[in-house]
C-alpha cells in the first residue's frame, strides 16, 4: 500500500509522524519483530522532524535530535495518556555515516529488531537496506519547495 501526503510546514510533518505512530501502535501486537520505519530523503527533507512528531505521540519528552555521531538513541516508552502500550523502547538511528547494514552489528541491531516490543526509526535507511528485515514501513520525503514536502509512505499495512 502506498500513501502520498503533502506537508506544507515542519509542524505538519511532525503531525504526520505522530499520526503514523498512533496508527502503528494501536490494536493487538502480533508481529514477530520490531516495528521498523525506514526514512529516506535528501539532507534537510524533514526526516528528523518526522521522528520528533512520531516520538512525541509515544510520550517521549526528551528533545529529539538526529543521532548522527552516536548512530543510535534509545527512549523508553511507558504509555500514551492512561493507556499502557506493548512497546518498550523507541530506537532512533541515523545511518548517514554508514556504508552497509553490516556496520549495525556492533549496535546489537539484530537483537533490537527481533524484539516485537521495540519500534525502530532509521534515518538514511537506504544505506543499510541489506540489514533490514523483509517487513518494514518506508517513508520517503522529498523537497517540493522551501517549506513544502512530499511524503510517500510504502508498506503501511503489512
N, C-alpha and C. Protein backbone atom coordinates (compact mmCIF):
# COMPACT_ATOMS: atom_id res chain seq x y z
N UNK A 1 0.85 -1.18 0.00
CA UNK A 1 0.00 0.00 0.00
C UNK A 1 0.89 1.24 0.00
N UNK A 2 0.54 2.23 -0.80
CA UNK A 2 1.27 3.49 -0.89
C UNK A 2 0.35 4.63 -0.50
N UNK A 3 0.84 5.46 0.40
CA UNK A 3 0.11 6.65 0.82
C UNK A 3 0.97 7.86 0.47
N UNK A 4 0.38 8.86 -0.21
CA UNK A 4 1.10 10.09 -0.55
C UNK A 4 0.47 11.24 0.22
N UNK A 5 1.32 12.05 0.86
CA UNK A 5 0.86 13.18 1.67
C UNK A 5 1.72 14.38 1.36
N UNK A 6 1.10 15.56 1.24
CA UNK A 6 1.82 16.80 1.05
C UNK A 6 1.83 17.55 2.38
N UNK A 7 3.00 17.90 2.86
CA UNK A 7 3.14 18.66 4.09
C UNK A 7 3.55 20.08 3.73
N UNK A 8 2.84 21.06 4.29
CA UNK A 8 3.12 22.46 3.98
C UNK A 8 4.05 23.14 4.99
N UNK A 9 4.41 22.41 6.07
CA UNK A 9 5.26 23.03 7.09
C UNK A 9 5.92 21.95 7.95
N UNK A 10 6.98 22.32 8.67
CA UNK A 10 7.59 21.35 9.59
C UNK A 10 6.60 20.84 10.65
N UNK A 11 5.75 21.72 11.15
CA UNK A 11 4.78 21.27 12.17
C UNK A 11 3.80 20.26 11.58
N UNK A 12 3.45 20.42 10.33
CA UNK A 12 2.56 19.45 9.69
C UNK A 12 3.30 18.12 9.47
N UNK A 13 4.58 18.17 9.17
CA UNK A 13 5.37 16.94 9.03
C UNK A 13 5.43 16.21 10.38
N UNK A 14 5.58 16.96 11.48
CA UNK A 14 5.54 16.35 12.82
C UNK A 14 4.19 15.69 13.06
N UNK A 15 3.10 16.35 12.69
CA UNK A 15 1.76 15.79 12.86
C UNK A 15 1.61 14.48 12.09
N UNK A 16 2.15 14.43 10.89
CA UNK A 16 2.08 13.21 10.08
C UNK A 16 2.84 12.08 10.79
N UNK A 17 4.01 12.39 11.34
CA UNK A 17 4.77 11.40 12.11
C UNK A 17 3.99 10.91 13.31
N UNK A 18 3.33 11.84 14.00
CA UNK A 18 2.53 11.48 15.18
C UNK A 18 1.37 10.57 14.80
N UNK A 19 0.70 10.88 13.72
CA UNK A 19 -0.44 10.05 13.27
C UNK A 19 0.02 8.64 12.92
N UNK A 20 1.16 8.53 12.24
CA UNK A 20 1.67 7.21 11.90
C UNK A 20 2.02 6.43 13.17
N UNK A 21 2.61 7.11 14.15
CA UNK A 21 2.96 6.45 15.41
C UNK A 21 1.72 5.89 16.08
N UNK A 22 0.68 6.68 16.17
CA UNK A 22 -0.54 6.23 16.84
C UNK A 22 -1.21 5.10 16.07
N UNK A 23 -1.19 5.16 14.76
CA UNK A 23 -1.79 4.09 13.96
C UNK A 23 -1.00 2.79 14.06
N UNK A 24 0.31 2.88 14.12
CA UNK A 24 1.14 1.66 14.18
C UNK A 24 1.15 1.04 15.56
N UNK A 25 0.76 1.78 16.60
CA UNK A 25 0.81 1.23 17.95
C UNK A 25 -0.56 0.89 18.52
N UNK A 26 -1.61 1.07 17.75
CA UNK A 26 -2.94 0.70 18.21
C UNK A 26 -3.24 -0.73 17.82
N UNK A 27 -4.14 -1.32 18.56
CA UNK A 27 -4.56 -2.68 18.23
C UNK A 27 -3.69 -3.72 18.89
N UNK A 28 -3.89 -4.95 18.48
CA UNK A 28 -3.16 -6.07 19.07
C UNK A 28 -1.80 -6.20 18.41
N UNK A 29 -0.84 -6.59 19.22
CA UNK A 29 0.52 -6.77 18.72
C UNK A 29 0.75 -8.25 18.45
N UNK A 30 0.80 -8.59 17.19
CA UNK A 30 1.02 -9.97 16.82
C UNK A 30 2.26 -10.11 15.94
N UNK A 31 3.00 -9.02 15.75
CA UNK A 31 4.20 -9.12 14.92
C UNK A 31 5.27 -9.90 15.67
N UNK A 32 6.18 -10.45 14.91
CA UNK A 32 7.24 -11.26 15.48
C UNK A 32 8.56 -10.51 15.56
N UNK A 33 8.53 -9.25 15.15
CA UNK A 33 9.74 -8.44 15.17
C UNK A 33 9.35 -7.01 15.56
N UNK A 34 10.36 -6.19 15.71
CA UNK A 34 10.13 -4.77 15.99
C UNK A 34 9.40 -4.11 14.82
N UNK A 35 8.69 -3.04 15.10
CA UNK A 35 8.11 -2.20 14.05
C UNK A 35 9.25 -1.33 13.54
N UNK A 36 9.47 -1.34 12.23
CA UNK A 36 10.58 -0.58 11.65
C UNK A 36 10.03 0.45 10.68
N UNK A 37 10.45 1.70 10.88
CA UNK A 37 10.12 2.79 9.97
C UNK A 37 11.43 3.25 9.35
N UNK A 38 11.59 3.00 8.06
CA UNK A 38 12.80 3.35 7.32
C UNK A 38 12.58 4.70 6.63
N UNK A 39 13.34 5.70 7.03
CA UNK A 39 13.19 7.06 6.50
C UNK A 39 14.26 7.36 5.45
N UNK A 40 13.81 7.89 4.31
CA UNK A 40 14.72 8.25 3.23
C UNK A 40 14.40 9.67 2.76
N UNK A 41 15.40 10.34 2.24
CA UNK A 41 15.23 11.68 1.70
C UNK A 41 16.53 12.46 1.77
N UNK A 42 16.59 13.54 1.02
CA UNK A 42 17.80 14.36 0.99
C UNK A 42 18.05 15.04 2.34
N UNK A 43 19.24 15.62 2.46
CA UNK A 43 19.55 16.43 3.65
C UNK A 43 18.50 17.53 3.77
N UNK A 44 17.98 17.72 4.97
CA UNK A 44 17.02 18.79 5.21
C UNK A 44 15.61 18.52 4.73
N UNK A 45 15.33 17.30 4.32
CA UNK A 45 13.99 16.98 3.80
C UNK A 45 12.94 16.92 4.91
N UNK A 46 13.36 16.58 6.12
CA UNK A 46 12.40 16.53 7.22
C UNK A 46 12.34 15.19 7.94
N UNK A 47 13.36 14.36 7.78
CA UNK A 47 13.37 13.05 8.43
C UNK A 47 13.34 13.18 9.94
N UNK A 48 14.19 14.03 10.49
CA UNK A 48 14.24 14.20 11.94
C UNK A 48 12.98 14.89 12.45
N UNK A 49 12.43 15.80 11.69
CA UNK A 49 11.16 16.46 12.06
C UNK A 49 10.07 15.41 12.17
N UNK A 50 10.01 14.49 11.22
CA UNK A 50 9.04 13.39 11.25
C UNK A 50 9.23 12.56 12.53
N UNK A 51 10.49 12.23 12.84
CA UNK A 51 10.80 11.43 14.04
C UNK A 51 10.35 12.17 15.30
N UNK A 52 10.54 13.48 15.35
CA UNK A 52 10.10 14.26 16.52
C UNK A 52 8.61 14.08 16.77
N UNK A 53 7.81 14.18 15.72
CA UNK A 53 6.38 14.01 15.87
C UNK A 53 6.01 12.59 16.27
N UNK A 54 6.67 11.61 15.67
CA UNK A 54 6.43 10.21 15.98
C UNK A 54 6.72 9.95 17.47
N UNK A 55 7.88 10.40 17.92
CA UNK A 55 8.30 10.18 19.31
C UNK A 55 7.38 10.91 20.29
N UNK A 56 7.01 12.13 19.98
CA UNK A 56 6.12 12.89 20.87
C UNK A 56 4.78 12.19 21.06
N UNK A 57 4.27 11.58 19.99
CA UNK A 57 2.99 10.86 20.08
C UNK A 57 3.09 9.65 21.00
N UNK A 58 4.30 9.13 21.17
CA UNK A 58 4.51 7.98 22.07
C UNK A 58 4.93 8.41 23.46
N UNK A 59 4.89 9.72 23.72
CA UNK A 59 5.17 10.22 25.06
C UNK A 59 6.63 10.50 25.34
N UNK A 60 7.48 10.50 24.34
CA UNK A 60 8.90 10.81 24.55
C UNK A 60 9.01 12.31 24.78
N UNK A 61 9.46 12.69 25.96
CA UNK A 61 9.52 14.10 26.34
C UNK A 61 10.87 14.74 26.01
N UNK A 62 11.92 13.91 25.93
CA UNK A 62 13.25 14.45 25.65
C UNK A 62 13.29 15.06 24.26
N UNK A 63 14.13 16.07 24.10
CA UNK A 63 14.30 16.68 22.79
C UNK A 63 14.92 15.69 21.82
N UNK A 64 14.26 15.47 20.71
CA UNK A 64 14.76 14.54 19.70
C UNK A 64 15.68 15.29 18.75
N UNK A 65 16.89 14.80 18.64
CA UNK A 65 17.84 15.31 17.64
C UNK A 65 18.41 14.12 16.91
N UNK A 66 18.86 14.34 15.71
CA UNK A 66 19.40 13.25 14.92
C UNK A 66 20.68 12.73 15.57
N UNK A 67 20.77 11.41 15.81
CA UNK A 67 21.96 10.85 16.46
C UNK A 67 23.09 10.57 15.48
N UNK A 68 23.44 11.57 14.68
CA UNK A 68 24.44 11.39 13.62
C UNK A 68 25.76 10.85 14.16
N UNK A 69 26.24 11.36 15.26
CA UNK A 69 27.55 10.95 15.77
C UNK A 69 27.44 9.74 16.70
N UNK A 70 26.32 9.60 17.40
CA UNK A 70 26.12 8.44 18.28
C UNK A 70 25.61 7.23 17.50
N UNK A 71 25.02 7.45 16.35
CA UNK A 71 24.37 6.47 15.49
C UNK A 71 23.00 6.03 16.00
N UNK A 72 22.85 5.88 17.34
CA UNK A 72 21.59 5.36 17.85
C UNK A 72 21.27 5.95 19.22
N UNK A 73 19.99 6.25 19.41
CA UNK A 73 19.49 6.65 20.73
C UNK A 73 18.30 5.76 21.07
N UNK A 74 18.12 5.49 22.35
CA UNK A 74 17.03 4.64 22.82
C UNK A 74 16.19 5.43 23.83
N UNK A 75 14.88 5.40 23.64
CA UNK A 75 13.95 6.11 24.52
C UNK A 75 12.93 5.12 25.07
N UNK A 76 12.75 5.09 26.40
CA UNK A 76 11.74 4.19 26.97
C UNK A 76 10.32 4.70 26.67
N UNK A 77 9.41 3.77 26.41
CA UNK A 77 8.01 4.09 26.15
C UNK A 77 7.19 3.43 27.25
N UNK A 78 6.38 4.21 27.93
CA UNK A 78 5.59 3.64 29.02
C UNK A 78 4.11 3.58 28.69
N UNK A 79 3.54 4.67 28.23
CA UNK A 79 2.10 4.70 27.96
C UNK A 79 1.77 5.94 27.14
N UNK A 80 0.62 5.89 26.51
CA UNK A 80 0.08 7.07 25.85
C UNK A 80 -1.12 7.47 26.68
N UNK A 81 -1.02 8.60 27.36
CA UNK A 81 -2.08 9.01 28.27
C UNK A 81 -2.18 7.98 29.39
N UNK A 82 -3.36 7.43 29.57
CA UNK A 82 -3.57 6.42 30.61
C UNK A 82 -3.55 5.00 30.04
N UNK A 83 -3.28 4.89 28.74
CA UNK A 83 -3.32 3.58 28.09
C UNK A 83 -1.91 3.01 27.99
N UNK A 84 -1.64 1.89 28.68
CA UNK A 84 -0.32 1.27 28.55
C UNK A 84 -0.13 0.68 27.16
N UNK A 85 1.10 0.62 26.74
CA UNK A 85 1.42 0.07 25.41
C UNK A 85 2.23 -1.21 25.55
N UNK A 86 2.20 -2.01 24.50
CA UNK A 86 3.02 -3.21 24.45
C UNK A 86 4.39 -2.87 23.85
N UNK A 87 4.73 -1.60 23.81
CA UNK A 87 6.01 -1.14 23.27
C UNK A 87 6.91 -0.76 24.45
N UNK A 88 8.15 -1.22 24.42
CA UNK A 88 9.09 -0.90 25.49
C UNK A 88 10.03 0.25 25.14
N UNK A 89 10.55 0.24 23.90
CA UNK A 89 11.54 1.24 23.52
C UNK A 89 11.33 1.74 22.10
N UNK A 90 11.67 3.00 21.92
CA UNK A 90 11.78 3.61 20.60
C UNK A 90 13.28 3.78 20.35
N UNK A 91 13.75 3.23 19.25
CA UNK A 91 15.14 3.39 18.84
C UNK A 91 15.18 4.34 17.64
N UNK A 92 16.09 5.30 17.70
CA UNK A 92 16.26 6.27 16.62
C UNK A 92 17.69 6.14 16.11
N UNK A 93 17.83 5.73 14.87
CA UNK A 93 19.15 5.55 14.25
C UNK A 93 19.34 6.55 13.13
N UNK A 94 20.57 7.02 12.98
CA UNK A 94 20.95 7.87 11.86
C UNK A 94 22.11 7.17 11.17
N UNK A 95 21.87 6.66 9.99
CA UNK A 95 22.86 5.85 9.28
C UNK A 95 23.60 6.62 8.18
N UNK A 96 23.59 7.94 8.27
CA UNK A 96 24.22 8.77 7.25
C UNK A 96 25.69 8.40 7.03
N UNK A 97 26.39 8.11 8.11
CA UNK A 97 27.82 7.84 8.02
C UNK A 97 28.16 6.36 7.75
N UNK A 98 27.14 5.53 7.58
CA UNK A 98 27.39 4.11 7.37
C UNK A 98 27.37 3.76 5.88
N UNK A 99 28.04 2.67 5.56
CA UNK A 99 28.10 2.22 4.17
C UNK A 99 27.32 0.94 3.92
N UNK A 100 27.01 0.20 5.00
CA UNK A 100 26.24 -1.04 4.84
C UNK A 100 25.61 -1.42 6.17
N UNK A 101 24.67 -2.33 6.08
CA UNK A 101 24.00 -2.81 7.28
C UNK A 101 24.91 -3.60 8.21
N UNK A 102 25.99 -4.13 7.67
CA UNK A 102 26.94 -4.89 8.48
C UNK A 102 27.49 -4.04 9.63
N UNK A 103 27.56 -2.74 9.40
CA UNK A 103 28.09 -1.83 10.42
C UNK A 103 27.14 -1.67 11.61
N UNK A 104 25.90 -2.13 11.48
CA UNK A 104 24.94 -2.06 12.58
C UNK A 104 25.11 -3.20 13.58
N UNK A 105 25.86 -4.22 13.21
CA UNK A 105 26.03 -5.38 14.08
C UNK A 105 26.57 -5.01 15.45
N UNK A 106 27.53 -4.09 15.50
CA UNK A 106 28.13 -3.68 16.77
C UNK A 106 27.13 -3.02 17.72
N UNK A 107 26.03 -2.53 17.17
CA UNK A 107 24.99 -1.89 18.00
C UNK A 107 23.98 -2.90 18.52
N UNK A 108 24.12 -4.15 18.15
CA UNK A 108 23.15 -5.17 18.55
C UNK A 108 21.85 -5.07 17.77
N UNK A 109 21.96 -4.64 16.52
CA UNK A 109 20.78 -4.37 15.70
C UNK A 109 19.89 -5.61 15.54
N UNK A 110 20.46 -6.77 15.32
CA UNK A 110 19.66 -7.99 15.14
C UNK A 110 18.81 -8.27 16.37
N UNK A 111 19.37 -8.09 17.55
CA UNK A 111 18.62 -8.33 18.79
C UNK A 111 17.50 -7.30 18.96
N UNK A 112 17.80 -6.06 18.62
CA UNK A 112 16.79 -5.00 18.73
C UNK A 112 15.63 -5.28 17.79
N UNK A 113 15.93 -5.68 16.55
CA UNK A 113 14.89 -5.98 15.57
C UNK A 113 14.08 -7.20 15.99
N UNK A 114 14.68 -8.16 16.62
CA UNK A 114 13.98 -9.40 16.97
C UNK A 114 12.99 -9.23 18.13
N UNK A 115 13.02 -8.10 18.82
CA UNK A 115 12.11 -7.87 19.94
C UNK A 115 10.86 -7.12 19.47
N UNK A 116 9.70 -7.77 19.47
CA UNK A 116 8.48 -7.12 18.97
C UNK A 116 7.98 -5.97 19.85
N UNK A 117 8.63 -5.74 20.98
CA UNK A 117 8.25 -4.62 21.84
C UNK A 117 9.00 -3.34 21.49
N UNK A 118 9.80 -3.37 20.43
CA UNK A 118 10.58 -2.21 20.01
C UNK A 118 9.99 -1.56 18.76
N UNK A 119 10.18 -0.25 18.66
CA UNK A 119 9.92 0.49 17.43
C UNK A 119 11.25 1.12 17.04
N UNK A 120 11.60 0.97 15.76
CA UNK A 120 12.88 1.47 15.27
C UNK A 120 12.64 2.44 14.13
N UNK A 121 13.12 3.67 14.27
CA UNK A 121 13.08 4.65 13.19
C UNK A 121 14.50 4.84 12.69
N UNK A 122 14.70 4.66 11.39
CA UNK A 122 16.05 4.70 10.82
C UNK A 122 16.14 5.77 9.75
N UNK A 123 16.90 6.83 10.05
CA UNK A 123 17.17 7.85 9.04
C UNK A 123 18.29 7.35 8.14
N UNK A 124 18.20 7.67 6.85
CA UNK A 124 19.16 7.22 5.84
C UNK A 124 19.13 5.69 5.74
N UNK A 125 17.95 5.12 5.81
CA UNK A 125 17.78 3.67 5.81
C UNK A 125 18.30 3.01 4.53
N UNK A 126 18.31 3.75 3.43
CA UNK A 126 18.79 3.17 2.17
C UNK A 126 20.26 2.75 2.26
N UNK A 127 21.00 3.34 3.20
CA UNK A 127 22.42 3.00 3.35
C UNK A 127 22.62 1.65 4.05
N UNK A 128 21.59 1.18 4.74
CA UNK A 128 21.69 -0.08 5.49
C UNK A 128 20.58 -1.06 5.09
N UNK A 129 20.08 -0.89 3.89
CA UNK A 129 18.96 -1.69 3.42
C UNK A 129 19.22 -3.19 3.53
N UNK A 130 20.47 -3.59 3.37
CA UNK A 130 20.81 -5.01 3.45
C UNK A 130 20.61 -5.59 4.85
N UNK A 131 20.47 -4.76 5.87
CA UNK A 131 20.26 -5.24 7.24
C UNK A 131 18.78 -5.23 7.63
N UNK A 132 17.94 -4.62 6.81
CA UNK A 132 16.53 -4.52 7.16
C UNK A 132 15.82 -5.85 6.91
N UNK A 133 14.89 -6.19 7.80
CA UNK A 133 14.11 -7.40 7.57
C UNK A 133 13.14 -7.18 6.41
N UNK A 134 12.46 -8.22 6.01
CA UNK A 134 11.56 -8.16 4.86
C UNK A 134 10.39 -7.20 5.09
N UNK A 135 9.88 -7.13 6.30
CA UNK A 135 8.71 -6.29 6.58
C UNK A 135 9.11 -5.01 7.32
N UNK A 136 8.85 -3.89 6.68
CA UNK A 136 9.06 -2.59 7.32
C UNK A 136 8.26 -1.55 6.55
N UNK A 137 8.07 -0.40 7.20
CA UNK A 137 7.38 0.73 6.57
C UNK A 137 8.46 1.68 6.07
N UNK A 138 8.34 2.11 4.82
CA UNK A 138 9.31 3.06 4.27
C UNK A 138 8.63 4.41 4.10
N UNK A 139 9.28 5.46 4.59
CA UNK A 139 8.80 6.83 4.43
C UNK A 139 9.85 7.58 3.63
N UNK A 140 9.48 7.99 2.42
CA UNK A 140 10.39 8.76 1.57
C UNK A 140 9.89 10.21 1.55
N UNK A 141 10.79 11.15 1.86
CA UNK A 141 10.43 12.57 1.93
C UNK A 141 11.23 13.34 0.89
N UNK A 142 10.51 14.11 0.06
CA UNK A 142 11.14 14.94 -0.96
C UNK A 142 10.83 16.41 -0.74
N UNK A 143 11.81 17.27 -1.07
CA UNK A 143 11.58 18.72 -1.11
C UNK A 143 10.65 19.04 -2.27
N UNK A 144 9.67 19.88 -2.04
CA UNK A 144 8.86 20.43 -3.12
C UNK A 144 9.27 21.89 -3.29
N UNK A 145 9.32 22.60 -2.17
CA UNK A 145 9.86 23.96 -2.14
C UNK A 145 10.40 24.20 -0.74
N UNK A 146 10.66 25.45 -0.38
CA UNK A 146 11.30 25.75 0.90
C UNK A 146 10.60 25.15 2.11
N UNK A 147 9.28 25.14 2.13
CA UNK A 147 8.55 24.62 3.28
C UNK A 147 7.70 23.39 2.98
N UNK A 148 7.44 23.11 1.73
CA UNK A 148 6.55 22.00 1.37
C UNK A 148 7.35 20.73 1.11
N UNK A 149 6.83 19.61 1.64
CA UNK A 149 7.46 18.31 1.45
C UNK A 149 6.42 17.31 0.96
N UNK A 150 6.87 16.39 0.13
CA UNK A 150 6.01 15.29 -0.32
C UNK A 150 6.47 14.03 0.41
N UNK A 151 5.56 13.43 1.17
CA UNK A 151 5.86 12.20 1.88
C UNK A 151 5.17 11.04 1.17
N UNK A 152 5.92 10.01 0.91
CA UNK A 152 5.37 8.78 0.36
C UNK A 152 5.63 7.68 1.38
N UNK A 153 4.55 7.06 1.82
CA UNK A 153 4.65 6.01 2.84
C UNK A 153 4.29 4.69 2.18
N UNK A 154 5.27 3.78 2.14
CA UNK A 154 5.12 2.48 1.48
C UNK A 154 4.95 1.38 2.53
N UNK A 155 4.21 0.36 2.18
CA UNK A 155 4.03 -0.82 3.03
C UNK A 155 3.42 -0.48 4.38
N UNK A 156 2.53 0.49 4.38
CA UNK A 156 1.93 0.92 5.64
C UNK A 156 1.18 -0.23 6.31
N UNK A 157 0.46 -1.00 5.54
CA UNK A 157 -0.24 -2.18 6.06
C UNK A 157 0.60 -3.41 5.74
N UNK A 158 0.95 -4.19 6.72
CA UNK A 158 1.73 -5.41 6.45
C UNK A 158 0.81 -6.50 5.95
